[in-house]
Amino acid sequence: MLLGGALSFNLIFPSNEPDIWRLMGMWSIWMFTIPSLRARDCSNKEKEALNYLFLLIPLINVMIPFFVKSFAVVWSADTVAFFVMYAWKLGWLQRLK
Protein backbone atom coordinates (compact mmCIF):
# COMPACT_ATOMS: atom_id res chain seq x y z
CA MET A 1 0.00 0.00 0.00
CA LEU A 2 2.82 2.40 0.83
CA LEU A 3 4.51 1.89 -2.53
CA GLY A 4 1.19 2.60 -4.28
CA GLY A 5 0.82 5.77 -2.24
CA ALA A 6 4.32 6.91 -3.16
CA LEU A 7 3.54 6.31 -6.83
CA SER A 8 0.19 8.11 -6.60
CA PHE A 9 1.69 11.09 -4.82
CA ASN A 10 4.32 11.31 -7.60
CA LEU A 11 7.24 10.62 -5.21
CA ILE A 12 8.64 7.74 -7.27
CA PHE A 13 9.25 8.32 -11.01
CA PRO A 14 8.06 11.95 -10.80
CA SER A 15 6.57 13.54 -13.90
CA ASN A 16 4.40 16.49 -14.77
CA GLU A 17 2.04 14.36 -16.83
CA PRO A 18 -0.27 11.51 -15.87
CA ASP A 19 1.62 8.31 -16.56
CA ILE A 20 1.40 4.56 -16.04
CA TRP A 21 3.27 4.72 -12.71
CA ARG A 22 0.75 7.07 -11.12
CA LEU A 23 -2.09 4.99 -12.54
CA MET A 24 -0.54 1.83 -11.09
CA GLY A 25 -0.24 3.56 -7.73
CA MET A 26 -3.89 4.59 -7.84
CA TRP A 27 -5.04 1.03 -8.58
CA SER A 28 -2.45 -0.75 -6.42
CA ILE A 29 -4.76 -1.42 -3.48
CA TRP A 30 -7.30 -3.13 -5.73
CA MET A 31 -4.73 -4.97 -7.88
CA PHE A 32 -2.29 -6.14 -5.21
CA THR A 33 -3.30 -5.53 -1.60
CA ILE A 34 -6.85 -6.89 -1.58
CA PRO A 35 -6.09 -10.04 -3.64
CA SER A 36 -3.05 -10.76 -1.47
CA LEU A 37 -5.09 -10.47 1.72
CA ARG A 38 -7.96 -12.52 0.26
CA ALA A 39 -5.56 -15.33 -0.72
CA ARG A 40 -4.44 -15.99 2.83
CA ASP A 41 -6.40 -17.84 5.47
CA CYS A 42 -8.44 -15.26 7.39
CA SER A 43 -11.64 -14.98 9.40
CA ASN A 44 -15.05 -14.87 7.72
CA LYS A 45 -15.53 -11.24 8.77
CA GLU A 46 -12.23 -10.19 7.24
CA LYS A 47 -12.98 -12.17 4.06
CA GLU A 48 -16.35 -10.41 3.83
CA ALA A 49 -14.71 -7.00 4.27
CA LEU A 50 -12.23 -7.82 1.50
CA ASN A 51 -15.03 -9.02 -0.78
CA TYR A 52 -16.88 -5.73 -0.30
CA LEU A 53 -13.68 -3.77 -0.89
CA PHE A 54 -13.01 -5.71 -4.09
CA LEU A 55 -16.35 -4.41 -5.40
CA LEU A 56 -16.21 -0.92 -3.83
CA ILE A 57 -12.74 0.25 -4.83
CA PRO A 58 -13.30 0.12 -8.61
CA LEU A 59 -16.39 2.28 -8.10
CA ILE A 60 -14.36 4.78 -6.09
CA ASN A 61 -11.57 4.78 -8.67
CA VAL A 62 -13.98 5.45 -11.52
CA MET A 63 -16.23 8.00 -9.78
CA ILE A 64 -13.72 10.31 -8.06
CA PRO A 65 -11.92 11.42 -11.27
CA PHE A 66 -15.22 12.92 -12.48
CA PHE A 67 -14.93 15.40 -9.61
CA VAL A 68 -11.22 15.64 -8.75
CA LYS A 69 -8.43 14.88 -11.21
CA SER A 70 -5.85 13.65 -8.71
CA PHE A 71 -4.24 10.23 -8.39
CA ALA A 72 -3.35 11.01 -4.79
CA VAL A 73 -6.97 11.78 -3.86
CA VAL A 74 -8.14 8.50 -5.37
CA TRP A 75 -5.46 6.50 -3.56
CA SER A 76 -6.30 8.31 -0.31
CA ALA A 77 -10.01 7.55 -0.74
CA ASP A 78 -9.17 3.88 -1.37
CA THR A 79 -7.08 3.79 1.80
CA VAL A 80 -9.85 5.42 3.85
CA ALA A 81 -12.39 2.95 2.42
CA PHE A 82 -10.04 0.09 3.28
CA PHE A 83 -9.70 1.08 6.93
CA VAL A 84 -13.36 2.06 7.34
CA MET A 85 -14.48 -1.30 5.94
CA TYR A 86 -12.11 -3.16 8.26
CA ALA A 87 -13.29 -1.08 11.22
CA TRP A 88 -16.92 -1.78 10.39
CA LYS A 89 -16.68 -5.50 9.60
CA LEU A 90 -14.15 -6.40 12.30
CA GLY A 91 -15.79 -4.23 14.96
CA TRP A 92 -12.79 -2.02 15.70
CA LEU A 93 -15.04 0.88 16.72
CA GLN A 94 -17.29 -1.05 19.08
CA ARG A 95 -16.96 -0.26 22.74
CA LEU A 96 -15.21 -2.84 24.84
CA LYS A 97 -17.59 -4.56 27.24
PDB file of N, CA and C in Angstrom:
ATOM      1  N   MET A   1       0.829  -1.200   0.000  1.00  0.00           N
ATOM      2  CA  MET A   1       0.000   0.000   0.000  1.00  0.00           C
ATOM      3  C   MET A   1       0.866   1.253   0.000  1.00  0.00           C
ATOM      4  N   LEU A   2       1.962   1.217   0.748  1.00  0.00           N
ATOM      5  CA  LEU A   2       2.817   2.403   0.832  1.00  0.00           C
ATOM      6  C   LEU A   2       3.484   2.712  -0.507  1.00  0.00           C
ATOM      7  N   LEU A   3       3.906   1.681  -1.221  1.00  0.00           N
ATOM      8  CA  LEU A   3       4.506   1.895  -2.535  1.00  0.00           C
ATOM      9  C   LEU A   3       3.486   2.509  -3.492  1.00  0.00           C
ATOM     10  N   GLY A   4       2.251   2.020  -3.450  1.00  0.00           N
ATOM     11  CA  GLY A   4       1.191   2.603  -4.277  1.00  0.00           C
ATOM     12  C   GLY A   4       0.937   4.056  -3.936  1.00  0.00           C
ATOM     13  N   GLY A   5       0.989   4.386  -2.646  1.00  0.00           N
ATOM     14  CA  GLY A   5       0.819   5.773  -2.236  1.00  0.00           C
ATOM     15  C   GLY A   5       1.948   6.654  -2.744  1.00  0.00           C
ATOM     16  N   ALA A   6       3.177   6.143  -2.662  1.00  0.00           N
ATOM     17  CA  ALA A   6       4.324   6.910  -3.155  1.00  0.00           C
ATOM     18  C   ALA A   6       4.218   7.140  -4.661  1.00  0.00           C
ATOM     19  N   LEU A   7       3.739   6.142  -5.389  1.00  0.00           N
ATOM     20  CA  LEU A   7       3.536   6.310  -6.834  1.00  0.00           C
ATOM     21  C   LEU A   7       2.418   7.311  -7.110  1.00  0.00           C
ATOM     22  N   SER A   8       1.328   7.210  -6.392  1.00  0.00           N
ATOM     23  CA  SER A   8       0.188   8.107  -6.603  1.00  0.00           C
ATOM     24  C   SER A   8       0.526   9.552  -6.274  1.00  0.00           C
ATOM     25  N   PHE A   9       1.314   9.745  -5.230  1.00  0.00           N
ATOM     26  CA  PHE A   9       1.694  11.095  -4.823  1.00  0.00           C
ATOM     27  C   PHE A   9       2.875  11.629  -5.628  1.00  0.00           C
ATOM     28  N   ASN A  10       3.284  10.876  -6.657  1.00  0.00           N
ATOM     29  CA  ASN A  10       4.324  11.310  -7.597  1.00  0.00           C
ATOM     30  C   ASN A  10       5.692  11.428  -6.926  1.00  0.00           C
ATOM     31  N   LEU A  11       5.950  10.602  -5.908  1.00  0.00           N
ATOM     32  CA  LEU A  11       7.237  10.624  -5.214  1.00  0.00           C
ATOM     33  C   LEU A  11       8.260   9.724  -5.895  1.00  0.00           C
ATOM     34  N   ILE A  12       7.782   8.660  -6.533  1.00  0.00           N
ATOM     35  CA  ILE A  12       8.642   7.739  -7.274  1.00  0.00           C
ATOM     36  C   ILE A  12       8.357   7.951  -8.755  1.00  0.00           C
ATOM     37  N   PHE A  13       9.375   8.038  -9.572  1.00  0.00           N
ATOM     38  CA  PHE A  13       9.250   8.320 -11.007  1.00  0.00           C
ATOM     39  C   PHE A  13       8.436   9.599 -11.241  1.00  0.00           C
ATOM     40  N   PRO A  14       8.853  10.716 -10.659  1.00  0.00           N
ATOM     41  CA  PRO A  14       8.059  11.949 -10.800  1.00  0.00           C
ATOM     42  C   PRO A  14       7.959  12.422 -12.248  1.00  0.00           C
ATOM     43  N   SER A  15       6.799  12.956 -12.569  1.00  0.00           N
ATOM     44  CA  SER A  15       6.570  13.544 -13.898  1.00  0.00           C
ATOM     45  C   SER A  15       5.490  14.608 -13.770  1.00  0.00           C
ATOM     46  N   ASN A  16       5.425  15.442 -14.757  1.00  0.00           N
ATOM     47  CA  ASN A  16       4.404  16.488 -14.772  1.00  0.00           C
ATOM     48  C   ASN A  16       3.128  16.041 -15.466  1.00  0.00           C
ATOM     49  N   GLU A  17       3.180  14.888 -16.084  1.00  0.00           N
ATOM     50  CA  GLU A  17       2.036  14.364 -16.827  1.00  0.00           C
ATOM     51  C   GLU A  17       1.502  13.113 -16.137  1.00  0.00           C
ATOM     52  N   PRO A  18       0.234  12.804 -16.347  1.00  0.00           N
ATOM     53  CA  PRO A  18      -0.273  11.509 -15.868  1.00  0.00           C
ATOM     54  C   PRO A  18       0.468  10.393 -16.618  1.00  0.00           C
ATOM     55  N   ASP A  19       0.922   9.397 -15.907  1.00  0.00           N
ATOM     56  CA  ASP A  19       1.623   8.306 -16.561  1.00  0.00           C
ATOM     57  C   ASP A  19       1.224   6.974 -15.938  1.00  0.00           C
ATOM     58  N   ILE A  20       1.779   5.907 -16.483  1.00  0.00           N
ATOM     59  CA  ILE A  20       1.402   4.564 -16.041  1.00  0.00           C
ATOM     60  C   ILE A  20       1.769   4.326 -14.583  1.00  0.00           C
ATOM     61  N   TRP A  21       2.859   4.940 -14.094  1.00  0.00           N
ATOM     62  CA  TRP A  21       3.274   4.718 -12.707  1.00  0.00           C
ATOM     63  C   TRP A  21       2.261   5.290 -11.723  1.00  0.00           C
ATOM     64  N   ARG A  22       1.757   6.459 -12.010  1.00  0.00           N
ATOM     65  CA  ARG A  22       0.751   7.065 -11.118  1.00  0.00           C
ATOM     66  C   ARG A  22      -0.554   6.289 -11.196  1.00  0.00           C
ATOM     67  N   LEU A  23      -0.888   5.808 -12.384  1.00  0.00           N
ATOM     68  CA  LEU A  23      -2.090   4.991 -12.541  1.00  0.00           C
ATOM     69  C   LEU A  23      -1.958   3.678 -11.775  1.00  0.00           C
ATOM     70  N   MET A  24      -0.779   3.061 -11.847  1.00  0.00           N
ATOM     71  CA  MET A  24      -0.543   1.827 -11.090  1.00  0.00           C
ATOM     72  C   MET A  24      -0.648   2.085  -9.584  1.00  0.00           C
ATOM     73  N   GLY A  25      -0.128   3.222  -9.144  1.00  0.00           N
ATOM     74  CA  GLY A  25      -0.240   3.561  -7.727  1.00  0.00           C
ATOM     75  C   GLY A  25      -1.682   3.721  -7.294  1.00  0.00           C
ATOM     76  N   MET A  26      -2.477   4.371  -8.155  1.00  0.00           N
ATOM     77  CA  MET A  26      -3.885   4.594  -7.838  1.00  0.00           C
ATOM     78  C   MET A  26      -4.637   3.268  -7.717  1.00  0.00           C
ATOM     79  N   TRP A  27      -4.344   2.315  -8.577  1.00  0.00           N
ATOM     80  CA  TRP A  27      -5.042   1.030  -8.583  1.00  0.00           C
ATOM     81  C   TRP A  27      -4.360  -0.040  -7.737  1.00  0.00           C
ATOM     82  N   SER A  28      -3.249   0.271  -7.098  1.00  0.00           N
ATOM     83  CA  SER A  28      -2.454  -0.753  -6.418  1.00  0.00           C
ATOM     84  C   SER A  28      -3.198  -1.470  -5.298  1.00  0.00           C
ATOM     85  N   ILE A  29      -4.029  -0.768  -4.574  1.00  0.00           N
ATOM     86  CA  ILE A  29      -4.765  -1.418  -3.481  1.00  0.00           C
ATOM     87  C   ILE A  29      -5.691  -2.488  -4.040  1.00  0.00           C
ATOM     88  N   TRP A  30      -6.369  -2.171  -5.132  1.00  0.00           N
ATOM     89  CA  TRP A  30      -7.299  -3.130  -5.732  1.00  0.00           C
ATOM     90  C   TRP A  30      -6.556  -4.258  -6.426  1.00  0.00           C
ATOM     91  N   MET A  31      -5.439  -3.950  -7.103  1.00  0.00           N
ATOM     92  CA  MET A  31      -4.732  -4.970  -7.883  1.00  0.00           C
ATOM     93  C   MET A  31      -3.865  -5.881  -7.027  1.00  0.00           C
ATOM     94  N   PHE A  32      -3.267  -5.359  -5.959  1.00  0.00           N
ATOM     95  CA  PHE A  32      -2.291  -6.136  -5.213  1.00  0.00           C
ATOM     96  C   PHE A  32      -2.666  -6.395  -3.758  1.00  0.00           C
ATOM     97  N   THR A  33      -3.077  -5.375  -3.031  1.00  0.00           N
ATOM     98  CA  THR A  33      -3.300  -5.526  -1.597  1.00  0.00           C
ATOM     99  C   THR A  33      -4.495  -6.422  -1.299  1.00  0.00           C
ATOM    100  N   ILE A  34      -5.640  -6.117  -1.881  1.00  0.00           N
ATOM    101  CA  ILE A  34      -6.845  -6.892  -1.582  1.00  0.00           C
ATOM    102  C   ILE A  34      -6.722  -8.347  -2.035  1.00  0.00           C
ATOM    103  N   PRO A  35      -6.264  -8.631  -3.271  1.00  0.00           N
ATOM    104  CA  PRO A  35      -6.093 -10.043  -3.639  1.00  0.00           C
ATOM    105  C   PRO A  35      -5.089 -10.785  -2.754  1.00  0.00           C
ATOM    106  N   SER A  36      -4.031 -10.114  -2.347  1.00  0.00           N
ATOM    107  CA  SER A  36      -3.052 -10.764  -1.471  1.00  0.00           C
ATOM    108  C   SER A  36      -3.665 -11.110  -0.125  1.00  0.00           C
ATOM    109  N   LEU A  37      -4.446 -10.203   0.432  1.00  0.00           N
ATOM    110  CA  LEU A  37      -5.089 -10.467   1.721  1.00  0.00           C
ATOM    111  C   LEU A  37      -6.194 -11.511   1.593  1.00  0.00           C
ATOM    112  N   ARG A  38      -6.899 -11.525   0.463  1.00  0.00           N
ATOM    113  CA  ARG A  38      -7.957 -12.519   0.256  1.00  0.00           C
ATOM    114  C   ARG A  38      -7.388 -13.916   0.076  1.00  0.00           C
ATOM    115  N   ALA A  39      -6.162 -14.028  -0.439  1.00  0.00           N
ATOM    116  CA  ALA A  39      -5.563 -15.334  -0.718  1.00  0.00           C
ATOM    117  C   ALA A  39      -5.125 -16.072   0.549  1.00  0.00           C
ATOM    118  N   ARG A  40      -4.887 -15.327   1.600  1.00  0.00           N
ATOM    119  CA  ARG A  40      -4.435 -15.988   2.828  1.00  0.00           C
ATOM    120  C   ARG A  40      -5.633 -16.477   3.634  1.00  0.00           C
ATOM    121  N   ASP A  41      -5.346 -17.319   4.605  1.00  0.00           N
ATOM    122  CA  ASP A  41      -6.400 -17.842   5.468  1.00  0.00           C
ATOM    123  C   ASP A  41      -6.763 -16.769   6.495  1.00  0.00           C
ATOM    124  N   CYS A  42      -8.020 -16.309   6.463  1.00  0.00           N
ATOM    125  CA  CYS A  42      -8.442 -15.257   7.391  1.00  0.00           C
ATOM    126  C   CYS A  42      -9.864 -15.551   7.871  1.00  0.00           C
ATOM    127  N   SER A  43     -10.310 -14.769   8.829  1.00  0.00           N
ATOM    128  CA  SER A  43     -11.640 -14.985   9.398  1.00  0.00           C
ATOM    129  C   SER A  43     -12.726 -14.654   8.368  1.00  0.00           C
ATOM    130  N   ASN A  44     -13.926 -15.137   8.626  1.00  0.00           N
ATOM    131  CA  ASN A  44     -15.048 -14.867   7.715  1.00  0.00           C
ATOM    132  C   ASN A  44     -15.376 -13.381   7.646  1.00  0.00           C
ATOM    133  N   LYS A  45     -15.258 -12.677   8.770  1.00  0.00           N
ATOM    134  CA  LYS A  45     -15.534 -11.237   8.774  1.00  0.00           C
ATOM    135  C   LYS A  45     -14.518 -10.486   7.926  1.00  0.00           C
ATOM    136  N   GLU A  46     -13.252 -10.855   8.044  1.00  0.00           N
ATOM    137  CA  GLU A  46     -12.227 -10.194   7.236  1.00  0.00           C
ATOM    138  C   GLU A  46     -12.413 -10.520   5.761  1.00  0.00           C
ATOM    139  N   LYS A  47     -12.739 -11.767   5.450  1.00  0.00           N
ATOM    140  CA  LYS A  47     -12.980 -12.166   4.063  1.00  0.00           C
ATOM    141  C   LYS A  47     -14.152 -11.382   3.483  1.00  0.00           C
ATOM    142  N   GLU A  48     -15.193 -11.181   4.282  1.00  0.00           N
ATOM    143  CA  GLU A  48     -16.351 -10.409   3.825  1.00  0.00           C
ATOM    144  C   GLU A  48     -15.967  -8.946   3.582  1.00  0.00           C
ATOM    145  N   ALA A  49     -15.173  -8.375   4.467  1.00  0.00           N
ATOM    146  CA  ALA A  49     -14.707  -7.000   4.270  1.00  0.00           C
ATOM    147  C   ALA A  49     -13.908  -6.889   2.977  1.00  0.00           C
ATOM    148  N   LEU A  50     -13.040  -7.847   2.718  1.00  0.00           N
ATOM    149  CA  LEU A  50     -12.230  -7.825   1.499  1.00  0.00           C
ATOM    150  C   LEU A  50     -13.090  -8.019   0.251  1.00  0.00           C
ATOM    151  N   ASN A  51     -14.122  -8.847   0.357  1.00  0.00           N
ATOM    152  CA  ASN A  51     -15.034  -9.016  -0.785  1.00  0.00           C
ATOM    153  C   ASN A  51     -15.756  -7.709  -1.105  1.00  0.00           C
ATOM    154  N   TYR A  52     -16.235  -7.033  -0.081  1.00  0.00           N
ATOM    155  CA  TYR A  52     -16.884  -5.730  -0.297  1.00  0.00           C
ATOM    156  C   TYR A  52     -15.911  -4.719  -0.888  1.00  0.00           C
ATOM    157  N   LEU A  53     -14.686  -4.702  -0.374  1.00  0.00           N
ATOM    158  CA  LEU A  53     -13.680  -3.771  -0.889  1.00  0.00           C
ATOM    159  C   LEU A  53     -13.339  -4.066  -2.345  1.00  0.00           C
ATOM    160  N   PHE A  54     -13.309  -5.336  -2.710  1.00  0.00           N
ATOM    161  CA  PHE A  54     -13.011  -5.706  -4.090  1.00  0.00           C
ATOM    162  C   PHE A  54     -14.052  -5.142  -5.050  1.00  0.00           C
ATOM    163  N   LEU A  55     -15.280  -4.995  -4.577  1.00  0.00           N
ATOM    164  CA  LEU A  55     -16.349  -4.406  -5.397  1.00  0.00           C
ATOM    165  C   LEU A  55     -16.398  -2.887  -5.268  1.00  0.00           C
ATOM    166  N   LEU A  56     -16.082  -2.356  -4.099  1.00  0.00           N
ATOM    167  CA  LEU A  56     -16.207  -0.923  -3.832  1.00  0.00           C
ATOM    168  C   LEU A  56     -15.085  -0.086  -4.450  1.00  0.00           C
ATOM    169  N   ILE A  57     -13.877  -0.555  -4.385  1.00  0.00           N
ATOM    170  CA  ILE A  57     -12.737   0.254  -4.829  1.00  0.00           C
ATOM    171  C   ILE A  57     -12.789   0.594  -6.317  1.00  0.00           C
ATOM    172  N   PRO A  58     -13.173  -0.317  -7.212  1.00  0.00           N
ATOM    173  CA  PRO A  58     -13.302   0.121  -8.611  1.00  0.00           C
ATOM    174  C   PRO A  58     -14.331   1.237  -8.792  1.00  0.00           C
ATOM    175  N   LEU A  59     -15.404   1.206  -8.030  1.00  0.00           N
ATOM    176  CA  LEU A  59     -16.394   2.283  -8.104  1.00  0.00           C
ATOM    177  C   LEU A  59     -15.785   3.607  -7.658  1.00  0.00           C
ATOM    178  N   ILE A  60     -15.028   3.569  -6.574  1.00  0.00           N
ATOM    179  CA  ILE A  60     -14.363   4.781  -6.089  1.00  0.00           C
ATOM    180  C   ILE A  60     -13.384   5.294  -7.140  1.00  0.00           C
ATOM    181  N   ASN A  61     -12.596   4.378  -7.707  1.00  0.00           N
ATOM    182  CA  ASN A  61     -11.567   4.776  -8.669  1.00  0.00           C
ATOM    183  C   ASN A  61     -12.140   5.323  -9.967  1.00  0.00           C
ATOM    184  N   VAL A  62     -13.347   4.943 -10.298  1.00  0.00           N
ATOM    185  CA  VAL A  62     -13.981   5.455 -11.524  1.00  0.00           C
ATOM    186  C   VAL A  62     -14.756   6.741 -11.243  1.00  0.00           C
ATOM    187  N   MET A  63     -15.376   6.847 -10.075  1.00  0.00           N
ATOM    188  CA  MET A  63     -16.230   7.998  -9.780  1.00  0.00           C
ATOM    189  C   MET A  63     -15.447   9.263  -9.377  1.00  0.00           C
ATOM    190  N   ILE A  64     -14.426   9.132  -8.559  1.00  0.00           N
ATOM    191  CA  ILE A  64     -13.715  10.315  -8.061  1.00  0.00           C
ATOM    192  C   ILE A  64     -13.108  11.154  -9.179  1.00  0.00           C
ATOM    193  N   PRO A  65     -12.502  10.569 -10.219  1.00  0.00           N
ATOM    194  CA  PRO A  65     -11.916  11.423 -11.267  1.00  0.00           C
ATOM    195  C   PRO A  65     -12.923  12.298 -12.012  1.00  0.00           C
ATOM    196  N   PHE A  66     -14.214  12.015 -11.902  1.00  0.00           N
ATOM    197  CA  PHE A  66     -15.216  12.917 -12.477  1.00  0.00           C
ATOM    198  C   PHE A  66     -15.254  14.246 -11.724  1.00  0.00           C
ATOM    199  N   PHE A  67     -14.856  14.217 -10.455  1.00  0.00           N
ATOM    200  CA  PHE A  67     -14.933  15.401  -9.607  1.00  0.00           C
ATOM    201  C   PHE A  67     -13.568  16.024  -9.312  1.00  0.00           C
ATOM    202  N   VAL A  68     -12.568  15.166  -9.089  1.00  0.00           N
ATOM    203  CA  VAL A  68     -11.220  15.638  -8.750  1.00  0.00           C
ATOM    204  C   VAL A  68     -10.224  14.849  -9.594  1.00  0.00           C
ATOM    205  N   LYS A  69      -9.410  15.532 -10.342  1.00  0.00           N
ATOM    206  CA  LYS A  69      -8.430  14.876 -11.205  1.00  0.00           C
ATOM    207  C   LYS A  69      -7.098  14.745 -10.460  1.00  0.00           C
ATOM    208  N   SER A  70      -7.062  13.843  -9.501  1.00  0.00           N
ATOM    209  CA  SER A  70      -5.855  13.653  -8.708  1.00  0.00           C
ATOM    210  C   SER A  70      -5.686  12.176  -8.358  1.00  0.00           C
ATOM    211  N   PHE A  71      -4.539  11.613  -8.741  1.00  0.00           N
ATOM    212  CA  PHE A  71      -4.244  10.228  -8.392  1.00  0.00           C
ATOM    213  C   PHE A  71      -4.121  10.073  -6.887  1.00  0.00           C
ATOM    214  N   ALA A  72      -3.550  11.072  -6.232  1.00  0.00           N
ATOM    215  CA  ALA A  72      -3.352  11.012  -4.785  1.00  0.00           C
ATOM    216  C   ALA A  72      -4.682  10.997  -4.037  1.00  0.00           C
ATOM    217  N   VAL A  73      -5.648  11.762  -4.505  1.00  0.00           N
ATOM    218  CA  VAL A  73      -6.973  11.785  -3.855  1.00  0.00           C
ATOM    219  C   VAL A  73      -7.642  10.426  -4.000  1.00  0.00           C
ATOM    220  N   VAL A  74      -7.525   9.816  -5.154  1.00  0.00           N
ATOM    221  CA  VAL A  74      -8.143   8.499  -5.369  1.00  0.00           C
ATOM    222  C   VAL A  74      -7.482   7.462  -4.467  1.00  0.00           C
ATOM    223  N   TRP A  75      -6.152   7.454  -4.421  1.00  0.00           N
ATOM    224  CA  TRP A  75      -5.460   6.501  -3.557  1.00  0.00           C
ATOM    225  C   TRP A  75      -5.838   6.730  -2.095  1.00  0.00           C
ATOM    226  N   SER A  76      -5.929   7.981  -1.689  1.00  0.00           N
ATOM    227  CA  SER A  76      -6.305   8.305  -0.310  1.00  0.00           C
ATOM    228  C   SER A  76      -7.721   7.831   0.002  1.00  0.00           C
ATOM    229  N   ALA A  77      -8.639   8.017  -0.935  1.00  0.00           N
ATOM    230  CA  ALA A  77     -10.013   7.549  -0.744  1.00  0.00           C
ATOM    231  C   ALA A  77     -10.055   6.027  -0.643  1.00  0.00           C
ATOM    232  N   ASP A  78      -9.252   5.337  -1.454  1.00  0.00           N
ATOM    233  CA  ASP A  78      -9.171   3.876  -1.372  1.00  0.00           C
ATOM    234  C   ASP A  78      -8.656   3.439  -0.007  1.00  0.00           C
ATOM    235  N   THR A  79      -7.654   4.128   0.498  1.00  0.00           N
ATOM    236  CA  THR A  79      -7.078   3.793   1.797  1.00  0.00           C
ATOM    237  C   THR A  79      -8.091   4.032   2.917  1.00  0.00           C
ATOM    238  N   VAL A  80      -8.803   5.134   2.851  1.00  0.00           N
ATOM    239  CA  VAL A  80      -9.845   5.416   3.846  1.00  0.00           C
ATOM    240  C   VAL A  80     -10.932   4.342   3.781  1.00  0.00           C
ATOM    241  N   ALA A  81     -11.372   3.997   2.580  1.00  0.00           N
ATOM    242  CA  ALA A  81     -12.390   2.950   2.424  1.00  0.00           C
ATOM    243  C   ALA A  81     -11.891   1.632   2.996  1.00  0.00           C
ATOM    244  N   PHE A  82     -10.631   1.319   2.767  1.00  0.00           N
ATOM    245  CA  PHE A  82     -10.036   0.088   3.277  1.00  0.00           C
ATOM    246  C   PHE A  82     -10.132   0.032   4.803  1.00  0.00           C
ATOM    247  N   PHE A  83      -9.689   1.091   5.469  1.00  0.00           N
ATOM    248  CA  PHE A  83      -9.696   1.084   6.932  1.00  0.00           C
ATOM    249  C   PHE A  83     -11.103   1.217   7.518  1.00  0.00           C
ATOM    250  N   VAL A  84     -11.975   1.955   6.864  1.00  0.00           N
ATOM    251  CA  VAL A  84     -13.364   2.062   7.337  1.00  0.00           C
ATOM    252  C   VAL A  84     -14.069   0.716   7.218  1.00  0.00           C
ATOM    253  N   MET A  85     -13.852   0.015   6.113  1.00  0.00           N
ATOM    254  CA  MET A  85     -14.485  -1.300   5.935  1.00  0.00           C
ATOM    255  C   MET A  85     -13.970  -2.287   6.975  1.00  0.00           C
ATOM    256  N   TYR A  86     -12.666  -2.275   7.217  1.00  0.00           N
ATOM    257  CA  TYR A  86     -12.112  -3.156   8.255  1.00  0.00           C
ATOM    258  C   TYR A  86     -12.682  -2.790   9.622  1.00  0.00           C
ATOM    259  N   ALA A  87     -12.756  -1.509   9.924  1.00  0.00           N
ATOM    260  CA  ALA A  87     -13.287  -1.079  11.224  1.00  0.00           C
ATOM    261  C   ALA A  87     -14.732  -1.516  11.390  1.00  0.00           C
ATOM    262  N   TRP A  88     -15.509  -1.408  10.325  1.00  0.00           N
ATOM    263  CA  TRP A  88     -16.921  -1.784  10.385  1.00  0.00           C
ATOM    264  C   TRP A  88     -17.090  -3.297  10.516  1.00  0.00           C
ATOM    265  N   LYS A  89     -16.455  -4.055   9.625  1.00  0.00           N
ATOM    266  CA  LYS A  89     -16.678  -5.500   9.599  1.00  0.00           C
ATOM    267  C   LYS A  89     -15.999  -6.225  10.762  1.00  0.00           C
ATOM    268  N   LEU A  90     -14.860  -5.724  11.216  1.00  0.00           N
ATOM    269  CA  LEU A  90     -14.154  -6.400  12.305  1.00  0.00           C
ATOM    270  C   LEU A  90     -14.481  -5.813  13.673  1.00  0.00           C
ATOM    271  N   GLY A  91     -15.328  -4.780  13.699  1.00  0.00           N
ATOM    272  CA  GLY A  91     -15.790  -4.234  14.963  1.00  0.00           C
ATOM    273  C   GLY A  91     -14.735  -3.448  15.732  1.00  0.00           C
ATOM    274  N   TRP A  92     -13.839  -2.789  15.034  1.00  0.00           N
ATOM    275  CA  TRP A  92     -12.793  -2.016  15.700  1.00  0.00           C
ATOM    276  C   TRP A  92     -13.355  -0.848  16.485  1.00  0.00           C
ATOM    277  N   LEU A  93     -14.497  -0.318  16.090  1.00  0.00           N
ATOM    278  CA  LEU A  93     -15.041   0.876  16.720  1.00  0.00           C
ATOM    279  C   LEU A  93     -16.063   0.573  17.810  1.00  0.00           C
ATOM    280  N   GLN A  94     -16.344  -0.700  18.039  1.00  0.00           N
ATOM    281  CA  GLN A  94     -17.288  -1.051  19.084  1.00  0.00           C
ATOM    282  C   GLN A  94     -16.650  -0.847  20.446  1.00  0.00           C
ATOM    283  N   ARG A  95     -17.462  -0.460  21.379  1.00  0.00           N
ATOM    284  CA  ARG A  95     -16.956  -0.263  22.745  1.00  0.00           C
ATOM    285  C   ARG A  95     -16.637  -1.615  23.378  1.00  0.00           C
ATOM    286  N   LEU A  96     -15.577  -1.615  24.128  1.00  0.00           N
ATOM    287  CA  LEU A  96     -15.214  -2.839  24.843  1.00  0.00           C
ATOM    288  C   LEU A  96     -16.169  -3.043  25.996  1.00  0.00           C
ATOM    289  N   LYS A  97     -16.606  -4.252  26.175  1.00  0.00           N
ATOM    290  CA  LYS A  97     -17.587  -4.558  27.244  1.00  0.00           C
ATOM    291  C   LYS A  97     -16.899  -5.123  28.451  1.00  0.00           C
TER     292      LYS A  97
END
